Amino acid sequence: MQSTKGEVAFSIDSLLEQPGKLSERGVTELYLHDEALSKDRKKIIQVLELLSQKDSPFVSILTNVQTIDRELAQKAADSLCSLEIPLVASVKGEALLFDKHLFAKKAVLLNEAGAVFGFSLDWGLLANDRAKLFRERLDFAIDQYPNHIDFPQLESGEIAKSTAVFSSRDMELCADLAFACQTFYSEGRAVPWFKTVLESLRIKPAAFFSDFSEWQRCNNCGRSDTSFDPYKIPHAELEKMQLLFLEQKYEEKNRSMWFSAVSDIVRINGAFSRVVAEHEDCELELSYNPDDLLSPDAYDIAHFCDTVPMENCRVSVYDAGDAPDYRLV
């Protein structure tokens, strides 16, 4: 866990017994990535109840998908936290099994409650895993609207050894795919609009990230470029990268007429995120009214561009206290 004085550590039991230690030590972020805790629904709820109090730190909790129910989802929504859920397959005989129904059902509970959650994915670690199966898991993960997707192998820098069905070349391509997802989706805070973009481009997530990975390589900001670290790049700069790539994709698909709307949607959502994360106000020049851009109409880009009139305007996005807000200027 992180505090104003650096990193400190203490046990989960001592945290529950003496919650005042958090404020005493100036803890601002709390990481509870403990395998035993991840399977203990009762204790996770205790932690969430403790951290739902005012001025509690942000907490990241490793959570086994089996422990998630409606009560836990609501407790998570009421706390400043993110549930980190390993999206894992299992080996049965010679088959690699992945319970899509279970993960989808739990994701629905979390999304309905308004809880923040992310998935962690790996590739090539289990027998009979293949690049195709990893891409399918990534496609599925994005469909569940996670706030972010983590790839522990990127953090460790350890790529699994090749197998008879998973070549070393495919291992590297999957790592590039994961890095592209980390950059564009997770650090780029793309969750509010990403599926809308995919549907308008008629492309699956893994294919999109594969194209973005190639774009990164050509623009010296890929996984092999040691000078580029998406964790250290200001979000506004990542947003510029997103827009450059998206403009290229819409041109490629002969849908350039939709890009003005897409650009507005990306930029106003990005501005909202920076108010929350960086306490950064800004002004935007938009081609559409923000009321329309933030309405359900914007979920369908083609319909939006056909039915919503353009309205050039200047918008101030600012911190209204409890949440970001905007006004025309």
C-alpha atoms as a PDB file:
ATOM      1  CA  MET A   1       0.000   0.000   0.000  1.00  0.00           C
ATOM      2  CA  GLN A   2       1.078   3.558  -0.635  1.00  0.00           C
ATOM      3  CA  SER A   3       1.073   6.429   1.822  1.00  0.00           C
ATOM      4  CA  THR A   4       2.155  10.041   1.745  1.00  0.00           C
ATOM      5  CA  LYS A   5       5.468   8.835   3.166  1.00  0.00           C
ATOM      6  CA  GLY A   6       6.051   5.921   0.788  1.00  0.00           C
ATOM      7  CA  GLU A   7       5.002   2.267   0.982  1.00  0.00           C
ATOM      8  CA  VAL A   8       3.901   0.551   4.184  1.00  0.00           C
ATOM      9  CA  ALA A   9       2.642  -2.957   4.888  1.00  0.00           C
ATOM     10  CA  PHE A  10       0.457  -4.667   7.461  1.00  0.00           C
ATOM     11  CA  SER A  11      -1.838  -7.688   7.582  1.00  0.00           C
ATOM     12  CA  ILE A  12      -5.497  -7.737   6.584  1.00  0.00           C
ATOM     13  CA  ASP A  13      -6.487  -8.873  10.078  1.00  0.00           C
ATOM     14  CA  SER A  14      -4.694  -5.923  11.678  1.00  0.00           C
ATOM     15  CA  LEU A  15      -6.405  -3.635   9.182  1.00  0.00           C
ATOM     16  CA  LEU A  16      -9.822  -4.932  10.220  1.00  0.00           C
ATOM     17  CA  GLU A  17      -8.964  -4.790  13.922  1.00  0.00           C
ATOM     18  CA  GLN A  18      -7.363  -1.336  13.845  1.00  0.00           C
ATOM     19  CA  PRO A  19      -8.735   0.576  10.831  1.00  0.00           C
ATOM     20  CA  GLY A  20      -7.408   3.833  12.257  1.00  0.00           C
ATOM     21  CA  LYS A  21      -3.902   2.807  11.200  1.00  0.00           C
ATOM     22  CA  LEU A  22      -4.727   3.826   7.629  1.00  0.00           C
ATOM     23  CA  SER A  23      -5.287   7.471   8.437  1.00  0.00           C
ATOM     24  CA  GLU A  24      -2.444   7.485  10.983  1.00  0.00           C
ATOM     25  CA  ARG A  25       0.015   6.402   8.313  1.00  0.00           C
ATOM     26  CA  GLY A  26      -1.427   8.628   5.600  1.00  0.00           C
ATOM     27  CA  VAL A  27      -2.363   5.687   3.354  1.00  0.00           C
ATOM     28  CA  THR A  28      -3.758   6.886   0.006  1.00  0.00           C
ATOM     29  CA  GLU A  29      -3.859   3.620  -1.950  1.00  0.00           C
ATOM     30  CA  LEU A  30      -4.364   0.112  -0.630  1.00  0.00           C
ATOM     31  CA  TYR A  31      -3.582  -3.071  -2.587  1.00  0.00           C
ATOM     32  CA  LEU A  32      -5.063  -6.280  -1.193  1.00  0.00           C
ATOM     33  CA  HIS A  33      -3.821  -8.879  -3.662  1.00  0.00           C
ATOM     34  CA  ASP A  34      -3.917 -11.896  -1.383  1.00  0.00           C
ATOM     35  CA  GLU A  35      -4.989 -15.312  -2.707  1.00  0.00           C
ATOM     36  CA  ALA A  36      -6.649 -16.336   0.563  1.00  0.00           C
ATOM     37  CA  LEU A  37      -8.605 -13.083   0.796  1.00  0.00           C
ATOM     38  CA  SER A  38      -9.663 -13.338  -2.856  1.00  0.00           C
ATOM     39  CA  LYS A  39     -11.718 -16.454  -2.021  1.00  0.00           C
ATOM     40  CA  ASP A  40     -13.121 -15.194   1.301  1.00  0.00           C
ATOM     41  CA  ARG A  41     -16.384 -13.424   0.480  1.00  0.00           C
ATOM     42  CA  LYS A  42     -17.160 -12.541   4.091  1.00  0.00           C
ATOM     43  CA  LYS A  43     -13.787 -10.899   4.699  1.00  0.00           C
ATOM     44  CA  ILE A  44     -13.900  -8.986   1.402  1.00  0.00           C
ATOM     45  CA  ILE A  45     -17.263  -7.541   2.445  1.00  0.00           C
ATOM     46  CA  GLN A  46     -15.783  -6.591   5.833  1.00  0.00           C
ATOM     47  CA  VAL A  47     -12.976  -4.732   4.073  1.00  0.00           C
ATOM     48  CA  LEU A  48     -15.412  -2.987   1.725  1.00  0.00           C
ATOM     49  CA  GLU A  49     -17.629  -1.900   4.620  1.00  0.00           C
ATOM     50  CA  LEU A  50     -14.593  -0.529   6.428  1.00  0.00           C
ATOM     51  CA  LEU A  51     -13.432   1.369   3.364  1.00  0.00           C
ATOM     52  CA  SER A  52     -16.842   2.796   2.446  1.00  0.00           C
ATOM     53  CA  GLN A  53     -16.331   5.475   5.090  1.00  0.00           C
ATOM     54  CA  LYS A  54     -15.554   9.060   4.130  1.00  0.00           C
ATOM     55  CA  ASP A  55     -11.912   9.855   3.309  1.00  0.00           C
ATOM     56  CA  SER A  56     -11.006   6.174   2.969  1.00  0.00           C
ATOM     57  CA  PRO A  57      -8.158   5.388   0.542  1.00  0.00           C
ATOM     58  CA  PHE A  58      -8.612   3.798  -2.855  1.00  0.00           C
ATOM     59  CA  VAL A  59      -8.382   0.008  -2.540  1.00  0.00           C
ATOM     60  CA  SER A  60      -7.600  -2.620  -5.168  1.00  0.00           C
ATOM     61  CA  ILE A  61      -8.836  -6.078  -4.127  1.00  0.00           C
ATOM     62  CA  LEU A  62      -7.937  -9.350  -5.823  1.00  0.00           C
ATOM     63  CA  THR A  63     -11.284 -11.152  -6.084  1.00  0.00           C
ATOM     64  CA  ASN A  64     -12.072 -14.690  -7.190  1.00  0.00           C
ATOM     65  CA  VAL A  65     -15.036 -14.618  -9.563  1.00  0.00           C
ATOM     66  CA  GLN A  66     -16.813 -17.287  -7.488  1.00  0.00           C
ATOM     67  CA  THR A  67     -17.072 -14.952  -4.475  1.00  0.00           C
ATOM     68  CA  ILE A  68     -19.030 -12.266  -6.318  1.00  0.00           C
ATOM     69  CA  ASP A  69     -22.735 -11.956  -5.577  1.00  0.00           C
ATOM     70  CA  ARG A  70     -25.214  -9.089  -5.568  1.00  0.00           C
ATOM     71  CA  GLU A  71     -24.338  -8.023  -2.015  1.00  0.00           C
ATOM     72  CA  LEU A  72     -20.598  -7.923  -2.652  1.00  0.00           C
ATOM     73  CA  ALA A  73     -21.148  -6.042  -5.921  1.00  0.00           C
ATOM     74  CA  GLN A  74     -23.190  -3.379  -4.135  1.00  0.00           C
ATOM     75  CA  LYS A  75     -20.629  -3.062  -1.331  1.00  0.00           C
ATOM     76  CA  ALA A  76     -17.943  -2.561  -3.972  1.00  0.00           C
ATOM     77  CA  ALA A  77     -20.046   0.102  -5.693  1.00  0.00           C
ATOM     78  CA  ASP A  78     -20.403   1.946  -2.376  1.00  0.00           C
ATOM     79  CA  SER A  79     -16.625   1.998  -1.825  1.00  0.00           C
ATOM     80  CA  LEU A  80     -13.710   3.706  -3.540  1.00  0.00           C
ATOM     81  CA  CYS A  81     -12.323   0.470  -4.894  1.00  0.00           C
ATOM     82  CA  SER A  82     -11.636  -1.747  -7.857  1.00  0.00           C
ATOM     83  CA  LEU A  83     -12.123  -5.508  -7.862  1.00  0.00           C
ATOM     84  CA  GLU A  84      -9.313  -7.265  -9.742  1.00  0.00           C
ATOM     85  CA  ILE A  85     -10.660 -10.512 -11.203  1.00  0.00           C
ATOM     86  CA  PRO A  86      -8.363 -13.144 -12.761  1.00  0.00           C
ATOM     87  CA  LEU A  87     -10.001 -14.253 -16.003  1.00  0.00           C
ATOM     88  CA  VAL A  88      -8.611 -17.760 -16.040  1.00  0.00           C
ATOM     89  CA  ALA A  89      -9.220 -20.965 -17.925  1.00  0.00           C
ATOM     90  CA  SER A  90      -8.727 -24.499 -16.634  1.00  0.00           C
ATOM     91  CA  VAL A  91      -7.332 -27.671 -18.175  1.00  0.00           C
ATOM     92  CA  LYS A  92      -9.505 -30.783 -18.400  1.00  0.00           C
ATOM     93  CA  GLY A  93      -7.887 -33.663 -20.211  1.00  0.00           C
ATOM     94  CA  GLU A  94      -6.510 -32.142 -23.395  1.00  0.00           C
ATOM     95  CA  ALA A  95      -9.049 -29.306 -23.492  1.00  0.00           C
ATOM     96  CA  LEU A  96      -8.695 -25.754 -22.207  1.00  0.00           C
ATOM     97  CA  LEU A  97     -12.022 -24.793 -20.633  1.00  0.00           C
ATOM     98  CA  PHE A  98     -13.250 -21.282 -19.980  1.00  0.00           C
ATOM     99  CA  ASP A  99     -16.578 -20.643 -18.225  1.00  0.00           C
ATOM    100  CA  LYS A 100     -17.911 -17.671 -20.180  1.00  0.00           C
ATOM    101  CA  HIS A 101     -21.342 -17.946 -18.589  1.00  0.00           C
ATOM    102  CA  LEU A 102     -19.947 -17.601 -15.063  1.00  0.00           C
ATOM    103  CA  PHE A 103     -17.803 -14.555 -15.831  1.00  0.00           C
ATOM    104  CA  ALA A 104     -20.553 -12.876 -17.860  1.00  0.00           C
ATOM    105  CA  LYS A 105     -23.105 -13.398 -15.080  1.00  0.00           C
ATOM    106  CA  LYS A 106     -20.802 -11.910 -12.437  1.00  0.00           C
ATOM    107  CA  ALA A 107     -19.890  -8.971 -14.698  1.00  0.00           C
ATOM    108  CA  VAL A 108     -23.594  -8.180 -15.102  1.00  0.00           C
ATOM    109  CA  LEU A 109     -23.960  -7.996 -11.301  1.00  0.00           C
ATOM    110  CA  LEU A 110     -21.002  -5.623 -11.054  1.00  0.00           C
ATOM    111  CA  ASN A 111     -22.139  -3.406 -13.917  1.00  0.00           C
ATOM    112  CA  GLU A 112     -25.710  -3.224 -12.628  1.00  0.00           C
ATOM    113  CA  ALA A 113     -24.403  -2.130  -9.223  1.00  0.00           C
ATOM    114  CA  GLY A 114     -22.039   0.408 -10.776  1.00  0.00           C
ATOM    115  CA  ALA A 115     -18.934  -1.239  -9.301  1.00  0.00           C
ATOM    116  CA  VAL A 116     -15.469  -0.719 -10.778  1.00  0.00           C
ATOM    117  CA  PHE A 117     -13.691  -3.915 -11.787  1.00  0.00           C
ATOM    118  CA  GLY A 118     -10.905  -5.133 -14.014  1.00  0.00           C
ATOM    119  CA  PHE A 119      -9.737  -8.458 -15.396  1.00  0.00           C
ATOM    120  CA  SER A 120      -6.272  -9.968 -15.516  1.00  0.00           C
ATOM    121  CA  LEU A 121      -5.371 -12.201 -18.463  1.00  0.00           C
ATOM    122  CA  ASP A 122      -2.429 -14.393 -19.374  1.00  0.00           C
ATOM    123  CA  TRP A 123      -1.396 -16.421 -22.388  1.00  0.00           C
ATOM    124  CA  GLY A 124       0.604 -19.576 -22.991  1.00  0.00           C
ATOM    125  CA  LEU A 125       0.834 -20.601 -19.338  1.00  0.00           C
ATOM    126  CA  LEU A 126      -1.606 -23.517 -19.503  1.00  0.00           C
ATOM    127  CA  ALA A 127      -1.263 -26.652 -21.572  1.00  0.00           C
ATOM    128  CA  ASN A 128      -2.971 -26.457 -24.967  1.00  0.00           C
ATOM    129  CA  ASP A 129      -3.402 -22.684 -24.847  1.00  0.00           C
ATOM    130  CA  ARG A 130      -3.155 -21.067 -28.272  1.00  0.00           C
ATOM    131  CA  ALA A 131      -2.923 -17.552 -29.663  1.00  0.00           C
ATOM    132  CA  LYS A 132      -6.441 -17.959 -31.067  1.00  0.00           C
ATOM    133  CA  LEU A 133      -7.809 -18.834 -27.608  1.00  0.00           C
ATOM    134  CA  PHE A 134      -6.067 -15.848 -26.023  1.00  0.00           C
ATOM    135  CA  ARG A 135      -7.622 -13.548 -28.618  1.00  0.00           C
ATOM    136  CA  GLU A 136     -11.028 -15.067 -27.871  1.00  0.00           C
ATOM    137  CA  ARG A 137     -10.550 -14.463 -24.130  1.00  0.00           C
ATOM    138  CA  LEU A 138      -9.562 -10.867 -24.837  1.00  0.00           C
ATOM    139  CA  ASP A 139     -12.631 -10.351 -27.040  1.00  0.00           C
ATOM    140  CA  PHE A 140     -14.829 -11.796 -24.307  1.00  0.00           C
ATOM    141  CA  ALA A 141     -13.212  -9.675 -21.589  1.00  0.00           C
ATOM    142  CA  ILE A 142     -13.835  -6.421 -23.465  1.00  0.00           C
ATOM    143  CA  ASP A 143     -17.479  -7.396 -23.998  1.00  0.00           C
ATOM    144  CA  GLN A 144     -18.012  -7.337 -20.210  1.00  0.00           C
ATOM    145  CA  TYR A 145     -17.181  -3.602 -19.888  1.00  0.00           C
ATOM    146  CA  PRO A 146     -14.243  -3.879 -17.450  1.00  0.00           C
ATOM    147  CA  ASN A 147     -12.647  -0.635 -16.337  1.00  0.00           C
ATOM    148  CA  HIS A 148      -9.234  -2.041 -17.271  1.00  0.00           C
ATOM    149  CA  ILE A 149      -7.433  -5.239 -18.217  1.00  0.00           C
ATOM    150  CA  ASP A 150      -4.109  -6.186 -16.639  1.00  0.00           C
ATOM    151  CA  PHE A 151      -1.521  -8.578 -18.040  1.00  0.00           C
ATOM    152  CA  PRO A 152       0.841  -9.772 -15.280  1.00  0.00           C
ATOM    153  CA  GLN A 153       3.278 -11.148 -17.864  1.00  0.00           C
ATOM    154  CA  LEU A 154       3.857  -7.628 -19.176  1.00  0.00           C
ATOM    155  CA  GLU A 155       4.706  -6.468 -15.671  1.00  0.00           C
ATOM    156  CA  SER A 156       7.120  -9.331 -15.039  1.00  0.00           C
ATOM    157  CA  GLY A 157       8.589  -9.261 -18.541  1.00  0.00           C
ATOM    158  CA  GLU A 158       8.451 -13.062 -18.623  1.00  0.00           C
ATOM    159  CA  ILE A 159       7.020 -14.565 -21.804  1.00  0.00           C
ATOM    160  CA  ALA A 160       5.984 -18.225 -21.579  1.00  0.00           C
ATOM    161  CA  LYS A 161       8.008 -20.841 -23.442  1.00  0.00           C
ATOM    162  CA  SER A 162       6.740 -21.990 -26.810  1.00  0.00           C
ATOM    163  CA  THR A 163       4.835 -25.250 -27.147  1.00  0.00           C
ATOM    164  CA  ALA A 164       3.784 -27.515 -29.996  1.00  0.00           C
ATOM    165  CA  VAL A 165       0.612 -25.429 -30.440  1.00  0.00           C
ATOM    166  CA  PHE A 166       1.863 -21.990 -29.342  1.00  0.00           C
ATOM    167  CA  SER A 167       4.958 -20.806 -31.209  1.00  0.00           C
ATOM    168  CA  SER A 168       7.462 -18.328 -29.813  1.00  0.00           C
ATOM    169  CA  ARG A 169       6.407 -15.911 -32.576  1.00  0.00           C
ATOM    170  CA  ASP A 170       2.773 -16.160 -31.432  1.00  0.00           C
ATOM    171  CA  MET A 171       3.875 -15.621 -27.831  1.00  0.00           C
ATOM    172  CA  GLU A 172       5.515 -12.342 -28.850  1.00  0.00           C
ATOM    173  CA  LEU A 173       2.511 -11.270 -30.923  1.00  0.00           C
ATOM    174  CA  CYS A 174       0.230 -11.894 -27.936  1.00  0.00           C
ATOM    175  CA  ALA A 175       2.533  -9.772 -25.786  1.00  0.00           C
ATOM    176  CA  ASP A 176       2.284  -6.978 -28.364  1.00  0.00           C
ATOM    177  CA  LEU A 177      -1.499  -7.381 -28.372  1.00  0.00           C
ATOM    178  CA  ALA A 178      -1.600  -7.143 -24.584  1.00  0.00           C
ATOM    179  CA  PHE A 179       0.600  -4.035 -24.628  1.00  0.00           C
ATOM    180  CA  ALA A 180      -1.684  -2.413 -27.200  1.00  0.00           C
ATOM    181  CA  CYS A 181      -4.707  -3.144 -25.005  1.00  0.00           C
ATOM    182  CA  GLN A 182      -2.918  -1.788 -21.949  1.00  0.00           C
ATOM    183  CA  THR A 183      -2.051   1.419 -23.796  1.00  0.00           C
ATOM    184  CA  PHE A 184      -5.249   2.125 -25.717  1.00  0.00           C
ATOM    185  CA  TYR A 185      -7.936   0.674 -23.462  1.00  0.00           C
ATOM    186  CA  SER A 186      -6.702   0.647 -19.870  1.00  0.00           C
ATOM    187  CA  GLU A 187      -4.367   3.639 -19.667  1.00  0.00           C
ATOM    188  CA  GLY A 188      -6.364   5.384 -22.391  1.00  0.00           C
ATOM    189  CA  ARG A 189      -9.523   5.112 -20.233  1.00  0.00           C
ATOM    190  CA  ALA A 190     -11.509   3.978 -23.246  1.00  0.00           C
ATOM    191  CA  VAL A 191     -14.211   1.953 -21.493  1.00  0.00           C
ATOM    192  CA  PRO A 192     -17.083   4.514 -21.870  1.00  0.00           C
ATOM    193  CA  TRP A 193     -16.859   4.602 -25.662  1.00  0.00           C
ATOM    194  CA  PHE A 194     -14.752   1.665 -26.839  1.00  0.00           C
ATOM    195  CA  LYS A 195     -17.533  -0.766 -27.758  1.00  0.00           C
ATOM    196  CA  THR A 196     -19.355   2.026 -29.590  1.00  0.00           C
ATOM    197  CA  VAL A 197     -16.266   2.552 -31.733  1.00  0.00           C
ATOM    198  CA  LEU A 198     -15.791  -1.173 -32.349  1.00  0.00           C
ATOM    199  CA  GLU A 199     -19.382  -1.580 -33.496  1.00  0.00           C
ATOM    200  CA  SER A 200     -19.159   1.373 -35.872  1.00  0.00           C
ATOM    201  CA  LEU A 201     -15.930  -0.014 -37.353  1.00  0.00           C
ATOM    202  CA  ARG A 202     -17.293  -3.582 -37.371  1.00  0.00           C
ATOM    203  CA  ILE A 203     -14.141  -4.972 -35.839  1.00  0.00           C
ATOM    204  CA  LYS A 204     -13.485  -7.251 -32.868  1.00  0.00           C
ATOM    205  CA  PRO A 205     -11.341  -6.083 -29.936  1.00  0.00           C
ATOM    206  CA  ALA A 206      -8.377  -8.383 -30.591  1.00  0.00           C
ATOM    207  CA  ALA A 207      -8.272  -7.401 -34.268  1.00  0.00           C
ATOM    208  CA  PHE A 208      -8.441  -3.724 -33.291  1.00  0.00           C
ATOM    209  CA  PHE A 209      -5.587  -4.102 -30.793  1.00  0.00           C
ATOM    210  CA  SER A 210      -3.566  -6.036 -33.358  1.00  0.00           C
ATOM    211  CA  ASP A 211      -3.887  -3.106 -35.765  1.00  0.00           C
ATOM    212  CA  PHE A 212      -3.051  -0.631 -33.013  1.00  0.00           C
ATOM    213  CA  SER A 213       0.005  -2.706 -32.082  1.00  0.00           C
ATOM    214  CA  GLU A 214       1.273  -2.349 -35.644  1.00  0.00           C
ATOM    215  CA  TRP A 215       0.561   1.397 -35.507  1.00  0.00           C
ATOM    216  CA  GLN A 216       2.547   1.603 -32.265  1.00  0.00           C
ATOM    217  CA  ARG A 217       5.470  -0.214 -33.843  1.00  0.00           C
ATOM    218  CA  CYS A 218       5.492   2.172 -36.818  1.00  0.00           C
ATOM    219  CA  ASN A 219       5.310   5.194 -34.512  1.00  0.00           C
ATOM    220  CA  ASN A 220       8.042   4.138 -32.069  1.00  0.00           C
ATOM    221  CA  CYS A 221       5.711   3.640 -29.122  1.00  0.00           C
ATOM    222  CA  GLY A 222       5.363  -0.128 -29.069  1.00  0.00           C
ATOM    223  CA  ARG A 223       6.340  -2.763 -26.552  1.00  0.00           C
ATOM    224  CA  SER A 224       9.922  -2.972 -27.801  1.00  0.00           C
ATOM    225  CA  ASP A 225      10.457   0.789 -27.486  1.00  0.00           C
ATOM    226  CA  THR A 226      11.933   1.158 -24.008  1.00  0.00           C
ATOM    227  CA  SER A 227      11.426   4.933 -24.048  1.00  0.00           C
ATOM    228  CA  PHE A 228       7.640   4.525 -24.163  1.00  0.00           C
ATOM    229  CA  ASP A 229       5.811   3.638 -20.950  1.00  0.00           C
ATOM    230  CA  PRO A 230       2.010   4.124 -21.063  1.00  0.00           C
ATOM    231  CA  TYR A 231       1.918   4.353 -17.265  1.00  0.00           C
ATOM    232  CA  LYS A 232       4.083   7.478 -17.400  1.00  0.00           C
ATOM    233  CA  ILE A 233       2.406   9.239 -20.330  1.00  0.00           C
ATOM    234  CA  PRO A 234      -0.172  11.925 -19.422  1.00  0.00           C
ATOM    235  CA  HIS A 235      -3.659  10.843 -20.382  1.00  0.00           C
ATOM    236  CA  ALA A 236      -4.098  13.842 -22.684  1.00  0.00           C
ATOM    237  CA  GLU A 237      -1.119  12.599 -24.732  1.00  0.00           C
ATOM    238  CA  LEU A 238      -2.520   9.059 -24.915  1.00  0.00           C
ATOM    239  CA  GLU A 239      -5.804  10.559 -26.091  1.00  0.00           C
ATOM    240  CA  LYS A 240      -3.992  12.263 -28.984  1.00  0.00           C
ATOM    241  CA  MET A 241      -2.572   8.861 -29.963  1.00  0.00           C
ATOM    242  CA  GLN A 242      -6.033   7.315 -29.793  1.00  0.00           C
ATOM    243  CA  LEU A 243      -7.494   9.993 -32.047  1.00  0.00           C
ATOM    244  CA  LEU A 244      -4.696   9.723 -34.614  1.00  0.00           C
ATOM    245  CA  PHE A 245      -5.212   5.980 -34.850  1.00  0.00           C
ATOM    246  CA  LEU A 246      -9.010   6.219 -34.901  1.00  0.00           C
ATOM    247  CA  GLU A 247      -8.932   8.786 -37.693  1.00  0.00           C
ATOM    248  CA  GLN A 248      -6.803   6.360 -39.694  1.00  0.00           C
ATOM    249  CA  LYS A 249      -9.204   3.473 -39.024  1.00  0.00           C
ATOM    250  CA  TYR A 250     -12.283   5.456 -40.029  1.00  0.00           C
ATOM    251  CA  GLU A 251     -10.551   6.516 -43.257  1.00  0.00           C
ATOM    252  CA  GLU A 252      -9.562   2.907 -43.888  1.00  0.00           C
ATOM    253  CA  LYS A 253     -13.193   1.795 -43.463  1.00  0.00           C
ATOM    254  CA  ASN A 254     -14.521   4.651 -45.659  1.00  0.00           C
ATOM    255  CA  ARG A 255     -16.342   6.139 -42.674  1.00  0.00           C
ATOM    256  CA  SER A 256     -14.489   9.418 -42.273  1.00  0.00           C
ATOM    257  CA  MET A 257     -17.834  11.246 -42.124  1.00  0.00           C
ATOM    258  CA  TRP A 258     -18.338   9.795 -38.630  1.00  0.00           C
ATOM    259  CA  PHE A 259     -14.990  10.828 -37.198  1.00  0.00           C
ATOM    260  CA  SER A 260     -16.044  14.291 -35.974  1.00  0.00           C
ATOM    261  CA  ALA A 261     -18.641  12.679 -33.715  1.00  0.00           C
ATOM    262  CA  VAL A 262     -16.190  10.009 -32.559  1.00  0.00           C
ATOM    263  CA  SER A 263     -13.554  12.636 -31.784  1.00  0.00           C
ATOM    264  CA  ASP A 264     -16.051  14.647 -29.725  1.00  0.00           C
ATOM    265  CA  ILE A 265     -17.160  11.551 -27.793  1.00  0.00           C
ATOM    266  CA  VAL A 266     -13.575  10.518 -27.042  1.00  0.00           C
ATOM    267  CA  ARG A 267     -12.498  14.014 -25.996  1.00  0.00           C
ATOM    268  CA  ILE A 268     -15.431  14.865 -23.724  1.00  0.00           C
ATOM    269  CA  ASN A 269     -15.184  11.516 -21.934  1.00  0.00           C
ATOM    270  CA  GLY A 270     -11.427  11.993 -21.630  1.00  0.00           C
ATOM    271  CA  ALA A 271     -11.935  15.453 -20.166  1.00  0.00           C
ATOM    272  CA  PHE A 272     -14.340  14.045 -17.575  1.00  0.00           C
ATOM    273  CA  SER A 273     -11.803  11.371 -16.611  1.00  0.00           C
ATOM    274  CA  ARG A 274      -9.045  13.952 -16.138  1.00  0.00           C
ATOM    275  CA  VAL A 275     -11.246  16.027 -13.839  1.00  0.00           C
ATOM    276  CA  VAL A 276     -11.629  12.940 -11.637  1.00  0.00           C
ATOM    277  CA  ALA A 277      -8.101  11.528 -11.858  1.00  0.00           C
ATOM    278  CA  GLU A 278      -5.921  14.613 -12.249  1.00  0.00           C
ATOM    279  CA  HIS A 279      -8.283  17.351 -10.982  1.00  0.00           C
ATOM    280  CA  GLU A 280      -7.702  19.007 -14.347  1.00  0.00           C
ATOM    281  CA  ASP A 281     -10.317  21.371 -15.795  1.00  0.00           C
ATOM    282  CA  CYS A 282     -10.310  22.196 -19.504  1.00  0.00           C
ATOM    283  CA  GLU A 283     -12.186  23.772 -22.394  1.00  0.00           C
ATOM    284  CA  LEU A 284     -13.078  21.896 -25.584  1.00  0.00           C
ATOM    285  CA  GLU A 285     -14.097  22.947 -29.080  1.00  0.00           C
ATOM    286  CA  LEU A 286     -16.821  20.493 -30.107  1.00  0.00           C
ATOM    287  CA  SER A 287     -18.840  19.859 -33.255  1.00  0.00           C
ATOM    288  CA  TYR A 288     -21.863  18.547 -31.332  1.00  0.00           C
ATOM    289  CA  ASN A 289     -23.742  19.632 -28.235  1.00  0.00           C
ATOM    290  CA  PRO A 290     -22.372  17.826 -25.146  1.00  0.00           C
ATOM    291  CA  ASP A 291     -25.924  16.887 -24.106  1.00  0.00           C
ATOM    292  CA  ASP A 292     -26.149  14.808 -27.282  1.00  0.00           C
ATOM    293  CA  LEU A 293     -22.629  13.389 -26.983  1.00  0.00           C
ATOM    294  CA  LEU A 294     -23.343  12.096 -23.467  1.00  0.00           C
ATOM    295  CA  SER A 295     -26.800  10.736 -24.298  1.00  0.00           C
ATOM    296  CA  PRO A 296     -27.714   7.141 -25.251  1.00  0.00           C
ATOM    297  CA  ASP A 297     -27.982   8.366 -28.861  1.00  0.00           C
ATOM    298  CA  ALA A 298     -24.179   8.365 -29.017  1.00  0.00           C
ATOM    299  CA  TYR A 299     -24.032   4.583 -28.510  1.00  0.00           C
ATOM    300  CA  ASP A 300     -24.814   4.117 -32.219  1.00  0.00           C
ATOM    301  CA  ILE A 301     -22.436   6.283 -34.240  1.00  0.00           C
ATOM    302  CA  ALA A 302     -24.157   5.785 -37.605  1.00  0.00           C
ATOM    303  CA  HIS A 303     -27.591   6.642 -36.214  1.00  0.00           C
ATOM    304  CA  PHE A 304     -26.147   9.544 -34.222  1.00  0.00           C
ATOM    305  CA  CYS A 305     -24.546  11.129 -37.287  1.00  0.00           C
ATOM    306  CA  ASP A 306     -27.727  10.642 -39.333  1.00  0.00           C
ATOM    307  CA  THR A 307     -30.128  12.117 -36.776  1.00  0.00           C
ATOM    308  CA  VAL A 308     -28.279  14.553 -34.505  1.00  0.00           C
ATOM    309  CA  PRO A 309     -27.511  17.996 -35.968  1.00  0.00           C
ATOM    310  CA  MET A 310     -24.007  19.405 -35.626  1.00  0.00           C
ATOM    311  CA  GLU A 311     -23.705  22.338 -33.231  1.00  0.00           C
ATOM    312  CA  ASN A 312     -20.262  23.894 -32.990  1.00  0.00           C
ATOM    313  CA  CYS A 313     -19.688  24.986 -29.414  1.00  0.00           C
ATOM    314  CA  ARG A 314     -17.069  25.657 -26.758  1.00  0.00           C
ATOM    315  CA  VAL A 315     -17.476  23.694 -23.555  1.00  0.00           C
ATOM    316  CA  SER A 316     -15.881  24.066 -20.134  1.00  0.00           C
ATOM    317  CA  VAL A 317     -15.430  20.776 -18.251  1.00  0.00           C
ATOM    318  CA  TYR A 318     -14.831  21.285 -14.541  1.00  0.00           C
ATOM    319  CA  ASP A 319     -15.035  19.783 -11.064  1.00  0.00           C
ATOM    320  CA  ALA A 320     -18.487  20.484  -9.626  1.00  0.00           C
ATOM    321  CA  GLY A 321     -17.615  19.008  -6.222  1.00  0.00           C
ATOM    322  CA  ASP A 322     -19.129  15.535  -6.194  1.00  0.00           C
ATOM    323  CA  ALA A 323     -18.618  14.875  -9.908  1.00  0.00           C
ATOM    324  CA  PRO A 324     -17.392  16.453 -13.143  1.00  0.00           C
ATOM    325  CA  ASP A 325     -19.777  18.772 -14.962  1.00  0.00           C
ATOM    326  CA  TYR A 326     -19.789  20.988 -18.044  1.00  0.00           C
ATOM    327  CA  ARG A 327     -21.220  24.239 -19.335  1.00  0.00           C
ATOM    328  CA  LEU A 328     -21.263  26.079 -22.630  1.00  0.00           C
ATOM    329  CA  VAL A 329     -18.964  29.106 -22.757  1.00  0.00           C
END
